[in-house]
C-alpha atoms as a PDB file:
ATOM      1  CA  MET A   1      99.582 215.421 169.676  1.00  0.00           C
ATOM      2  CA  ASN A   2      98.172 217.685 166.943  1.00  0.00           C
ATOM      3  CA  LYS A   3     100.326 219.254 164.234  1.00  0.00           C
ATOM      4  CA  LEU A   4     100.525 222.621 165.969  1.00  0.00           C
ATOM      5  CA  GLU A   5     101.889 221.013 169.122  1.00  0.00           C
ATOM      6  CA  GLN A   6     104.361 219.020 167.034  1.00  0.00           C
ATOM      7  CA  LEU A   7     105.437 222.145 165.149  1.00  0.00           C
ATOM      8  CA  LYS A   8     106.164 223.935 168.409  1.00  0.00           C
ATOM      9  CA  THR A   9     108.737 221.245 169.282  1.00  0.00           C
ATOM     10  CA  MET A  10     110.680 222.112 166.114  1.00  0.00           C
ATOM     11  CA  THR A  11     110.022 225.791 165.435  1.00  0.00           C
ATOM     12  CA  THR A  12     109.205 228.956 167.361  1.00  0.00           C
ATOM     13  CA  VAL A  13     105.600 229.785 166.460  1.00  0.00           C
ATOM     14  CA  VAL A  14     104.750 233.460 166.013  1.00  0.00           C
ATOM     15  CA  ALA A  15     101.235 234.901 165.709  1.00  0.00           C
ATOM     16  CA  ASP A  16     100.738 236.927 162.534  1.00  0.00           C
ATOM     17  CA  THR A  17      97.995 239.155 163.896  1.00  0.00           C
ATOM     18  CA  GLY A  18      97.306 242.307 165.880  1.00  0.00           C
ATOM     19  CA  ASP A  19      94.076 240.863 167.278  1.00  0.00           C
ATOM     20  CA  LEU A  20      94.500 240.813 171.053  1.00  0.00           C
ATOM     21  CA  ASP A  21      91.854 238.139 171.550  1.00  0.00           C
ATOM     22  CA  ALA A  22      93.517 235.867 169.009  1.00  0.00           C
ATOM     23  CA  ILE A  23      96.922 236.349 170.627  1.00  0.00           C
ATOM     24  CA  ALA A  24      95.448 235.584 174.059  1.00  0.00           C
ATOM     25  CA  GLN A  25      93.831 232.456 172.635  1.00  0.00           C
ATOM     26  CA  TRP A  26      96.863 231.055 170.818  1.00  0.00           C
ATOM     27  CA  ARG A  27      99.583 232.132 173.258  1.00  0.00           C
ATOM     28  CA  PRO A  28     102.432 232.179 170.709  1.00  0.00           C
ATOM     29  CA  GLU A  29     106.039 232.763 171.693  1.00  0.00           C
ATOM     30  CA  ASP A  30     106.268 235.994 169.665  1.00  0.00           C
ATOM     31  CA  ALA A  31     103.941 238.234 167.678  1.00  0.00           C
ATOM     32  CA  THR A  32     104.349 240.393 164.614  1.00  0.00           C
ATOM     33  CA  THR A  33     102.238 243.241 163.288  1.00  0.00           C
ATOM     34  CA  ASN A  34     102.187 245.462 160.223  1.00  0.00           C
ATOM     35  CA  PRO A  35     100.057 248.438 159.117  1.00  0.00           C
ATOM     36  CA  SER A  36      97.480 246.139 157.511  1.00  0.00           C
ATOM     37  CA  LEU A  37      97.023 244.118 160.700  1.00  0.00           C
ATOM     38  CA  LEU A  38      96.936 247.236 162.871  1.00  0.00           C
ATOM     39  CA  LEU A  39      94.333 248.843 160.601  1.00  0.00           C
ATOM     40  CA  LYS A  40      92.120 245.786 160.934  1.00  0.00           C
ATOM     41  CA  ALA A  41      92.647 245.559 164.678  1.00  0.00           C
ATOM     42  CA  ALA A  42      92.035 249.271 165.219  1.00  0.00           C
ATOM     43  CA  ALA A  43      88.408 248.782 164.210  1.00  0.00           C
ATOM     44  CA  SER A  44      87.847 246.610 167.290  1.00  0.00           C
ATOM     45  CA  ASP A  45      86.606 247.846 170.654  1.00  0.00           C
ATOM     46  CA  ALA A  46      89.779 246.545 172.305  1.00  0.00           C
ATOM     47  CA  TYR A  47      91.845 249.152 170.469  1.00  0.00           C
ATOM     48  CA  ARG A  48      89.642 252.182 171.137  1.00  0.00           C
ATOM     49  CA  PRO A  49      91.307 253.115 174.462  1.00  0.00           C
ATOM     50  CA  MET A  50      94.704 252.879 172.766  1.00  0.00           C
ATOM     51  CA  LEU A  51      93.535 255.094 169.911  1.00  0.00           C
ATOM     52  CA  ASP A  52      92.235 257.703 172.360  1.00  0.00           C
ATOM     53  CA  LYS A  53      95.468 257.614 174.346  1.00  0.00           C
ATOM     54  CA  ALA A  54      97.641 257.846 171.232  1.00  0.00           C
ATOM     55  CA  VAL A  55      95.745 260.923 169.986  1.00  0.00           C
ATOM     56  CA  ALA A  56      95.918 262.606 173.393  1.00  0.00           C
ATOM     57  CA  GLU A  57      99.655 261.988 173.734  1.00  0.00           C
ATOM     58  CA  ALA A  58     100.310 263.293 170.226  1.00  0.00           C
ATOM     59  CA  GLN A  59      98.351 266.461 170.932  1.00  0.00           C
ATOM     60  CA  ARG A  60     100.348 267.039 174.120  1.00  0.00           C
ATOM     61  CA  HIS A  61     103.534 266.502 172.133  1.00  0.00           C
ATOM     62  CA  GLY A  62     102.596 269.403 169.877  1.00  0.00           C
ATOM     63  CA  GLY A  63     103.970 270.292 166.467  1.00  0.00           C
ATOM     64  CA  SER A  64     102.201 270.601 163.153  1.00  0.00           C
ATOM     65  CA  ASP A  65      99.117 268.576 162.318  1.00  0.00           C
ATOM     66  CA  ALA A  66     101.246 266.239 160.190  1.00  0.00           C
ATOM     67  CA  GLU A  67     103.755 265.752 162.993  1.00  0.00           C
ATOM     68  CA  GLN A  68     100.990 265.040 165.484  1.00  0.00           C
ATOM     69  CA  LEU A  69      99.470 262.520 163.099  1.00  0.00           C
ATOM     70  CA  THR A  70     102.676 260.520 162.663  1.00  0.00           C
ATOM     71  CA  MET A  71     103.282 260.694 166.395  1.00  0.00           C
ATOM     72  CA  ALA A  72      99.769 259.381 167.054  1.00  0.00           C
ATOM     73  CA  THR A  73     100.132 256.427 164.693  1.00  0.00           C
ATOM     74  CA  ASP A  74     103.587 255.562 166.035  1.00  0.00           C
ATOM     75  CA  THR A  75     102.245 255.784 169.576  1.00  0.00           C
ATOM     76  CA  LEU A  76      99.318 253.549 168.656  1.00  0.00           C
ATOM     77  CA  ALA A  77     101.716 250.936 167.258  1.00  0.00           C
ATOM     78  CA  VAL A  78     103.752 251.102 170.462  1.00  0.00           C
ATOM     79  CA  LEU A  79     100.710 250.877 172.737  1.00  0.00           C
ATOM     80  CA  ALA A  80      99.499 247.881 170.729  1.00  0.00           C
ATOM     81  CA  GLY A  81     102.935 246.313 171.010  1.00  0.00           C
ATOM     82  CA  LYS A  82     102.955 246.879 174.754  1.00  0.00           C
ATOM     83  CA  GLU A  83      99.546 245.217 175.092  1.00  0.00           C
ATOM     84  CA  ILE A  84     100.697 242.272 172.987  1.00  0.00           C
ATOM     85  CA  LEU A  85     103.851 241.845 175.058  1.00  0.00           C
ATOM     86  CA  GLY A  86     101.643 241.415 178.119  1.00  0.00           C
ATOM     87  CA  LEU A  87     100.192 238.314 176.469  1.00  0.00           C
ATOM     88  CA  ILE A  88     103.351 236.601 175.159  1.00  0.00           C
ATOM     89  CA  PRO A  89     106.730 235.630 176.637  1.00  0.00           C
ATOM     90  CA  GLY A  90     108.848 236.687 173.653  1.00  0.00           C
ATOM     91  CA  VAL A  91     109.182 239.665 171.318  1.00  0.00           C
ATOM     92  CA  VAL A  92     106.889 241.807 169.187  1.00  0.00           C
ATOM     93  CA  SER A  93     107.747 243.320 165.811  1.00  0.00           C
ATOM     94  CA  THR A  94     106.653 246.912 165.145  1.00  0.00           C
ATOM     95  CA  GLU A  95     106.883 248.302 161.629  1.00  0.00           C
ATOM     96  CA  VAL A  96     108.338 251.576 160.401  1.00  0.00           C
ATOM     97  CA  ASP A  97     106.149 253.545 157.977  1.00  0.00           C
ATOM     98  CA  ALA A  98     106.510 251.853 154.571  1.00  0.00           C
ATOM     99  CA  ARG A  99     106.672 255.255 152.867  1.00  0.00           C
ATOM    100  CA  LEU A 100     110.182 255.583 154.306  1.00  0.00           C
ATOM    101  CA  SER A 101     111.385 252.371 152.637  1.00  0.00           C
ATOM    102  CA  PHE A 102     113.785 254.212 150.320  1.00  0.00           C
ATOM    103  CA  ASP A 103     115.121 256.701 152.870  1.00  0.00           C
ATOM    104  CA  THR A 104     117.774 255.372 155.236  1.00  0.00           C
ATOM    105  CA  SER A 105     118.061 258.450 157.433  1.00  0.00           C
ATOM    106  CA  ALA A 106     114.292 258.847 157.830  1.00  0.00           C
ATOM    107  CA  THR A 107     113.962 255.162 158.670  1.00  0.00           C
ATOM    108  CA  LEU A 108     116.652 255.520 161.319  1.00  0.00           C
ATOM    109  CA  GLU A 109     114.897 258.528 162.832  1.00  0.00           C
ATOM    110  CA  ARG A 110     111.512 256.807 163.045  1.00  0.00           C
ATOM    111  CA  ALA A 111     112.976 253.552 164.338  1.00  0.00           C
ATOM    112  CA  ARG A 112     114.834 255.320 167.132  1.00  0.00           C
ATOM    113  CA  ARG A 113     111.682 257.253 168.017  1.00  0.00           C
ATOM    114  CA  MET A 114     109.669 254.050 168.247  1.00  0.00           C
ATOM    115  CA  VAL A 115     112.232 252.493 170.558  1.00  0.00           C
ATOM    116  CA  ASP A 116     112.199 255.654 172.662  1.00  0.00           C
ATOM    117  CA  LEU A 117     108.387 255.534 172.815  1.00  0.00           C
ATOM    118  CA  TYR A 118     108.523 251.938 173.990  1.00  0.00           C
ATOM    119  CA  ASP A 119     111.036 252.922 176.652  1.00  0.00           C
ATOM    120  CA  ARG A 120     108.866 255.852 177.800  1.00  0.00           C
ATOM    121  CA  HIS A 121     105.908 253.491 178.139  1.00  0.00           C
ATOM    122  CA  GLY A 122     107.889 251.219 180.428  1.00  0.00           C
ATOM    123  CA  VAL A 123     108.589 248.435 177.941  1.00  0.00           C
ATOM    124  CA  ASP A 124     111.834 246.457 177.903  1.00  0.00           C
ATOM    125  CA  THR A 125     113.115 247.473 174.467  1.00  0.00           C
ATOM    126  CA  GLY A 126     115.036 244.211 174.248  1.00  0.00           C
ATOM    127  CA  ARG A 127     111.647 242.623 173.569  1.00  0.00           C
ATOM    128  CA  VAL A 128     110.992 244.804 170.530  1.00  0.00           C
ATOM    129  CA  LEU A 129     112.030 244.202 166.923  1.00  0.00           C
ATOM    130  CA  ILE A 130     111.847 247.131 164.527  1.00  0.00           C
ATOM    131  CA  LYS A 131     110.345 245.953 161.253  1.00  0.00           C
ATOM    132  CA  ILE A 132     111.790 247.462 158.067  1.00  0.00           C
ATOM    133  CA  ALA A 133     111.279 246.685 154.368  1.00  0.00           C
ATOM    134  CA  SER A 134     114.191 244.800 152.794  1.00  0.00           C
ATOM    135  CA  THR A 135     115.149 247.530 150.331  1.00  0.00           C
ATOM    136  CA  TRP A 136     118.788 248.523 149.950  1.00  0.00           C
ATOM    137  CA  GLU A 137     118.075 251.616 152.050  1.00  0.00           C
ATOM    138  CA  GLY A 138     116.173 249.612 154.662  1.00  0.00           C
ATOM    139  CA  ILE A 139     118.996 247.097 155.011  1.00  0.00           C
ATOM    140  CA  ARG A 140     121.491 249.908 155.506  1.00  0.00           C
ATOM    141  CA  ALA A 141     119.282 251.393 158.226  1.00  0.00           C
ATOM    142  CA  ALA A 142     119.044 247.996 159.927  1.00  0.00           C
ATOM    143  CA  GLU A 143     122.809 247.607 159.799  1.00  0.00           C
ATOM    144  CA  GLN A 144     123.230 250.847 161.750  1.00  0.00           C
ATOM    145  CA  LEU A 145     120.407 250.085 164.190  1.00  0.00           C
ATOM    146  CA  GLU A 146     121.875 246.677 164.997  1.00  0.00           C
ATOM    147  CA  LYS A 147     125.160 248.397 165.880  1.00  0.00           C
ATOM    148  CA  GLU A 148     123.165 250.584 168.295  1.00  0.00           C
ATOM    149  CA  GLY A 149     121.634 247.533 169.946  1.00  0.00           C
ATOM    150  CA  ILE A 150     118.239 247.902 168.249  1.00  0.00           C
ATOM    151  CA  ARG A 151     117.255 244.537 166.805  1.00  0.00           C
ATOM    152  CA  CYS A 152     115.525 244.484 163.438  1.00  0.00           C
ATOM    153  CA  ASN A 153     113.079 242.348 161.489  1.00  0.00           C
ATOM    154  CA  LEU A 154     113.650 242.773 157.735  1.00  0.00           C
ATOM    155  CA  THR A 155     110.308 242.211 156.054  1.00  0.00           C
ATOM    156  CA  LEU A 156     108.915 242.078 152.493  1.00  0.00           C
ATOM    157  CA  LEU A 157     111.754 239.743 151.597  1.00  0.00           C
ATOM    158  CA  PHE A 158     111.279 237.796 148.353  1.00  0.00           C
ATOM    159  CA  SER A 159     114.737 237.094 146.943  1.00  0.00           C
ATOM    160  CA  PHE A 160     117.986 235.386 147.774  1.00  0.00           C
ATOM    161  CA  ILE A 161     119.984 238.578 147.233  1.00  0.00           C
ATOM    162  CA  GLN A 162     117.836 240.375 149.807  1.00  0.00           C
ATOM    163  CA  ALA A 163     118.425 237.561 152.295  1.00  0.00           C
ATOM    164  CA  ALA A 164     122.168 237.450 151.665  1.00  0.00           C
ATOM    165  CA  ALA A 165     122.462 241.231 152.055  1.00  0.00           C
ATOM    166  CA  CYS A 166     120.501 241.143 155.312  1.00  0.00           C
ATOM    167  CA  ALA A 167     122.812 238.491 156.737  1.00  0.00           C
ATOM    168  CA  GLN A 168     125.910 240.418 155.710  1.00  0.00           C
ATOM    169  CA  ALA A 169     124.435 243.522 157.373  1.00  0.00           C
ATOM    170  CA  GLY A 170     123.982 241.624 160.648  1.00  0.00           C
ATOM    171  CA  ALA A 171     120.184 241.814 160.748  1.00  0.00           C
ATOM    172  CA  PHE A 172     118.705 239.968 163.716  1.00  0.00           C
ATOM    173  CA  LEU A 173     115.795 238.439 161.760  1.00  0.00           C
ATOM    174  CA  ILE A 174     114.340 238.240 158.268  1.00  0.00           C
ATOM    175  CA  SER A 175     110.741 237.551 157.222  1.00  0.00           C
ATOM    176  CA  PRO A 176     110.809 235.862 153.803  1.00  0.00           C
ATOM    177  CA  PHE A 177     107.297 235.801 152.345  1.00  0.00           C
ATOM    178  CA  VAL A 178     106.075 232.418 151.172  1.00  0.00           C
ATOM    179  CA  GLY A 179     102.489 232.927 150.038  1.00  0.00           C
ATOM    180  CA  ARG A 180     103.097 236.073 148.019  1.00  0.00           C
ATOM    181  CA  ILE A 181     105.826 234.269 146.070  1.00  0.00           C
ATOM    182  CA  LEU A 182     103.328 231.504 145.332  1.00  0.00           C
ATOM    183  CA  ASP A 183     100.732 234.090 144.292  1.00  0.00           C
ATOM    184  CA  TRP A 184     103.120 235.559 141.709  1.00  0.00           C
ATOM    185  CA  HIS A 185     104.025 232.192 140.209  1.00  0.00           C
ATOM    186  CA  LEU A 186     100.385 231.163 139.928  1.00  0.00           C
ATOM    187  CA  ALA A 187      99.549 234.447 138.236  1.00  0.00           C
ATOM    188  CA  ASN A 188     102.509 234.238 135.850  1.00  0.00           C
ATOM    189  CA  SER A 189     102.412 230.607 134.756  1.00  0.00           C
ATOM    190  CA  ASP A 190      99.995 228.042 133.411  1.00  0.00           C
ATOM    191  CA  ARG A 191     100.013 226.228 136.748  1.00  0.00           C
ATOM    192  CA  GLN A 192      96.791 226.077 138.748  1.00  0.00           C
ATOM    193  CA  GLN A 193      98.542 224.843 141.880  1.00  0.00           C
ATOM    194  CA  PHE A 194     101.867 223.670 143.295  1.00  0.00           C
ATOM    195  CA  ALA A 195     102.387 220.711 145.581  1.00  0.00           C
ATOM    196  CA  PRO A 196     103.841 221.909 148.906  1.00  0.00           C
ATOM    197  CA  ALA A 197     107.241 220.340 148.144  1.00  0.00           C
ATOM    198  CA  GLU A 198     107.365 222.275 144.833  1.00  0.00           C
ATOM    199  CA  ASP A 199     105.910 225.529 146.184  1.00  0.00           C
ATOM    200  CA  PRO A 200     108.212 228.372 144.982  1.00  0.00           C
ATOM    201  CA  GLY A 201     107.865 230.183 148.311  1.00  0.00           C
ATOM    202  CA  VAL A 202     108.798 227.059 150.267  1.00  0.00           C
ATOM    203  CA  LEU A 203     111.805 226.462 148.009  1.00  0.00           C
ATOM    204  CA  SER A 204     112.932 230.084 148.466  1.00  0.00           C
ATOM    205  CA  VAL A 205     112.849 229.925 152.278  1.00  0.00           C
ATOM    206  CA  SER A 206     114.521 226.493 152.307  1.00  0.00           C
ATOM    207  CA  ARG A 207     117.326 227.856 150.124  1.00  0.00           C
ATOM    208  CA  ILE A 208     117.848 230.845 152.408  1.00  0.00           C
ATOM    209  CA  TYR A 209     117.726 228.699 155.558  1.00  0.00           C
ATOM    210  CA  ASN A 210     120.306 226.242 154.221  1.00  0.00           C
ATOM    211  CA  TYR A 211     122.583 229.076 153.079  1.00  0.00           C
ATOM    212  CA  TYR A 212     122.485 230.742 156.492  1.00  0.00           C
ATOM    213  CA  LYS A 213     123.124 227.551 158.430  1.00  0.00           C
ATOM    214  CA  THR A 214     125.895 226.310 156.123  1.00  0.00           C
ATOM    215  CA  HIS A 215     127.823 229.565 156.372  1.00  0.00           C
ATOM    216  CA  GLY A 216     127.173 230.265 160.044  1.00  0.00           C
ATOM    217  CA  TYR A 217     125.026 233.392 159.817  1.00  0.00           C
ATOM    218  CA  ASP A 218     123.202 234.169 163.063  1.00  0.00           C
ATOM    219  CA  THR A 219     120.304 235.947 161.342  1.00  0.00           C
ATOM    220  CA  VAL A 220     117.016 234.259 162.265  1.00  0.00           C
ATOM    221  CA  VAL A 221     114.852 232.975 159.399  1.00  0.00           C
ATOM    222  CA  MET A 222     111.125 233.479 160.024  1.00  0.00           C
ATOM    223  CA  GLY A 223     108.889 232.249 157.214  1.00  0.00           C
ATOM    224  CA  ALA A 224     105.812 234.455 156.742  1.00  0.00           C
ATOM    225  CA  SER A 225     102.737 235.034 154.581  1.00  0.00           C
ATOM    226  CA  PHE A 226     101.380 231.506 154.289  1.00  0.00           C
ATOM    227  CA  ARG A 227      98.515 230.490 152.036  1.00  0.00           C
ATOM    228  CA  ASN A 228      97.980 226.960 153.369  1.00  0.00           C
ATOM    229  CA  THR A 229      99.196 224.547 156.038  1.00  0.00           C
ATOM    230  CA  GLY A 230     101.094 222.515 153.451  1.00  0.00           C
ATOM    231  CA  GLU A 231     103.579 225.376 153.102  1.00  0.00           C
ATOM    232  CA  ILE A 232     103.996 225.501 156.874  1.00  0.00           C
ATOM    233  CA  GLU A 233     104.531 221.754 157.156  1.00  0.00           C
ATOM    234  CA  MET A 234     107.241 221.838 154.472  1.00  0.00           C
ATOM    235  CA  LEU A 235     109.116 224.444 156.556  1.00  0.00           C
ATOM    236  CA  ALA A 236     108.847 222.599 159.898  1.00  0.00           C
ATOM    237  CA  GLY A 237     112.167 223.129 161.640  1.00  0.00           C
ATOM    238  CA  CYS A 238     112.682 226.685 160.332  1.00  0.00           C
ATOM    239  CA  ASP A 239     113.877 229.023 163.090  1.00  0.00           C
ATOM    240  CA  ARG A 240     110.488 230.737 163.369  1.00  0.00           C
ATOM    241  CA  LEU A 241     107.228 230.764 161.427  1.00  0.00           C
ATOM    242  CA  THR A 242     104.664 233.558 161.725  1.00  0.00           C
ATOM    243  CA  ILE A 243     101.200 232.117 161.176  1.00  0.00           C
ATOM    244  CA  SER A 244      97.703 233.583 160.962  1.00  0.00           C
ATOM    245  CA  PRO A 245      95.045 232.488 163.498  1.00  0.00           C
ATOM    246  CA  ALA A 246      93.069 230.683 160.772  1.00  0.00           C
ATOM    247  CA  LEU A 247      96.029 228.483 159.858  1.00  0.00           C
ATOM    248  CA  LEU A 248      96.936 227.968 163.519  1.00  0.00           C
ATOM    249  CA  GLN A 249      93.427 226.568 163.943  1.00  0.00           C
ATOM    250  CA  GLU A 250      93.864 224.206 160.987  1.00  0.00           C
ATOM    251  CA  LEU A 251      97.125 222.889 162.404  1.00  0.00           C
ATOM    252  CA  GLN A 252      95.552 222.401 165.814  1.00  0.00           C
ATOM    253  CA  ASP A 253      92.652 220.470 164.309  1.00  0.00           C
ATOM    254  CA  ASP A 254      94.967 218.132 162.371  1.00  0.00           C
ATOM    255  CA  GLN A 255      95.935 215.017 164.341  1.00  0.00           C
ATOM    256  CA  GLY A 256      98.321 213.728 161.656  1.00  0.00           C
ATOM    257  CA  SER A 257     102.070 213.253 161.978  1.00  0.00           C
ATOM    258  CA  LEU A 258     104.424 216.149 161.222  1.00  0.00           C
ATOM    259  CA  THR A 259     107.963 215.510 159.957  1.00  0.00           C
ATOM    260  CA  ARG A 260     110.811 217.950 160.443  1.00  0.00           C
ATOM    261  CA  GLN A 261     111.965 219.262 157.060  1.00  0.00           C
ATOM    262  CA  LEU A 262     114.718 221.767 157.930  1.00  0.00           C
ATOM    263  CA  THR A 263     117.583 221.163 160.295  1.00  0.00           C
ATOM    264  CA  GLY A 264     120.579 223.350 160.970  1.00  0.00           C
ATOM    265  CA  ASP A 265     122.886 220.371 161.470  1.00  0.00           C
ATOM    266  CA  GLY A 266     121.902 218.865 158.132  1.00  0.00           C
ATOM    267  CA  ALA A 267     121.890 222.096 156.141  1.00  0.00           C
ATOM    268  CA  SER A 268     123.888 222.082 152.936  1.00  0.00           C
ATOM    269  CA  SER A 269     124.464 224.976 150.546  1.00  0.00           C
ATOM    270  CA  HIS A 270     127.201 225.443 147.981  1.00  0.00           C
ATOM    271  CA  GLU A 271     126.297 229.091 147.471  1.00  0.00           C
ATOM    272  CA  ARG A 272     128.674 231.773 148.644  1.00  0.00           C
ATOM    273  CA  LEU A 273     128.187 235.369 147.601  1.00  0.00           C
ATOM    274  CA  GLN A 274     130.883 238.004 147.496  1.00  0.00           C
ATOM    275  CA  ALA A 275     130.465 241.118 149.604  1.00  0.00           C
ATOM    276  CA  ILE A 276     127.263 242.709 148.362  1.00  0.00           C
ATOM    277  CA  ASP A 277     127.473 246.323 147.287  1.00  0.00           C
ATOM    278  CA  GLU A 278     124.638 248.484 146.022  1.00  0.00           C
ATOM    279  CA  SER A 279     125.328 247.763 142.351  1.00  0.00           C
ATOM    280  CA  LEU A 280     125.225 243.980 142.820  1.00  0.00           C
ATOM    281  CA  PHE A 281     122.117 244.202 144.992  1.00  0.00           C
ATOM    282  CA  ARG A 282     120.222 246.329 142.487  1.00  0.00           C
ATOM    283  CA  TRP A 283     121.325 244.229 139.501  1.00  0.00           C
ATOM    284  CA  GLU A 284     120.328 240.927 141.091  1.00  0.00           C
ATOM    285  CA  SER A 285     117.045 242.474 142.203  1.00  0.00           C
ATOM    286  CA  ASN A 286     116.440 243.744 138.685  1.00  0.00           C
ATOM    287  CA  GLU A 287     116.979 240.235 137.316  1.00  0.00           C
ATOM    288  CA  ASP A 288     114.285 238.810 139.618  1.00  0.00           C
ATOM    289  CA  ALA A 289     110.947 239.989 138.241  1.00  0.00           C
ATOM    290  CA  MET A 290     108.942 238.275 140.975  1.00  0.00           C
ATOM    291  CA  ALA A 291     110.911 239.874 143.804  1.00  0.00           C
ATOM    292  CA  THR A 292     110.907 243.300 142.180  1.00  0.00           C
ATOM    293  CA  GLU A 293     107.156 243.269 141.584  1.00  0.00           C
ATOM    294  CA  LYS A 294     106.183 241.799 144.968  1.00  0.00           C
ATOM    295  CA  LEU A 295     108.456 244.143 146.932  1.00  0.00           C
ATOM    296  CA  ALA A 296     106.987 247.184 145.191  1.00  0.00           C
ATOM    297  CA  ASP A 297     103.458 245.850 145.605  1.00  0.00           C
ATOM    298  CA  GLY A 298     104.019 245.078 149.286  1.00  0.00           C
ATOM    299  CA  ILE A 299     105.352 248.553 150.009  1.00  0.00           C
ATOM    300  CA  ARG A 300     102.399 250.137 148.207  1.00  0.00           C
ATOM    301  CA  ARG A 301      99.909 248.011 150.131  1.00  0.00           C
ATOM    302  CA  PHE A 302     101.462 248.741 153.520  1.00  0.00           C
ATOM    303  CA  ALA A 303     101.697 252.442 152.669  1.00  0.00           C
ATOM    304  CA  ALA A 304      98.025 252.526 151.643  1.00  0.00           C
ATOM    305  CA  ASP A 305      96.991 250.887 154.916  1.00  0.00           C
ATOM    306  CA  GLN A 306      99.207 253.294 156.845  1.00  0.00           C
ATOM    307  CA  ILE A 307      97.442 256.200 155.152  1.00  0.00           C
ATOM    308  CA  GLU A 308      94.037 254.713 155.970  1.00  0.00           C
ATOM    309  CA  LEU A 309      95.117 254.233 159.584  1.00  0.00           C
ATOM    310  CA  GLU A 310      96.181 257.879 159.683  1.00  0.00           C
ATOM    311  CA  ASN A 311      92.801 258.906 158.262  1.00  0.00           C
ATOM    312  CA  ARG A 312      91.073 256.987 161.039  1.00  0.00           C
ATOM    313  CA  VAL A 313      93.265 258.657 163.656  1.00  0.00           C
ATOM    314  CA  ARG A 314      92.667 262.086 162.045  1.00  0.00           C
ATOM    315  CA  ARG A 315      88.879 261.629 162.234  1.00  0.00           C
ATOM    316  CA  LEU A 316      89.151 260.604 165.857  1.00  0.00           C
ATOM    317  CA  ALA A 317      91.324 263.618 166.688  1.00  0.00           C
ATOM    318  CA  LYS A 318      88.831 266.013 165.105  1.00  0.00           C
ATOM    319  CA  ALA A 319      85.996 264.451 167.068  1.00  0.00           C
ATOM    320  CA  ALA A 320      87.882 264.771 170.349  1.00  0.00           C
END
């Protein structure tokens, strides 16, 4: 049994890609996308019919050019999600525009529209997670959406305070980033590498996982953004892990033995935070330079790819 097969006995494996061929090949339980992955996928022939359909639907919807553009990109994300759901048995995560990361009401509006679009395209909305950045405003939006029965995936999560706030808000799932934490520590230290057991991203997710399990939080922990298979192996047993096709291939090719590292029954954490208000959240975030910098950088990157995706849709609409 290869390491990927072993991992699947301990952890729900999620495909971190919007590539339909890759999802069909790897047959993960769930899939997750973001603007960067959608931008890459949209250049493929498989996405061209979806792009055409999204533009046509947006034009029928009417409104200003800007409104039609956001409708087209939201519709594209939904059509891609629908296609992905036809290939997997579980759920797909669809991301809200990162430019709304600091606006709770706007995030709520777009999230509800995405769910409505899924419903109008005949998709069981119980199989959809709305992906939102783990800002204070994003967490507040997720708290309200969860009360409405809309499950959320809180992404761009780099710190313990973010994770604790998400759990207290009742978020369905969090996506703590492993590789980007490692990137920051490599760039801001004299270290050239970290052994997997010492990897700062691995230690962060392990801390969050143990805290959740010790204190009985139902929020799902899904490690994300991996740089190597060593990080994945050190998180074997985590609720879910979202993995790129390249690293899925490496795990499949490895015939070695894989040992479970995280277990809910054996979790132990002495940490207990008080109720988190905005002041505490912002102070603790301010004290964590890595998390502050990587959250801001992640939002900027996703926003830039969202803008580029819109530019691609705009060019297509003009050519229609």
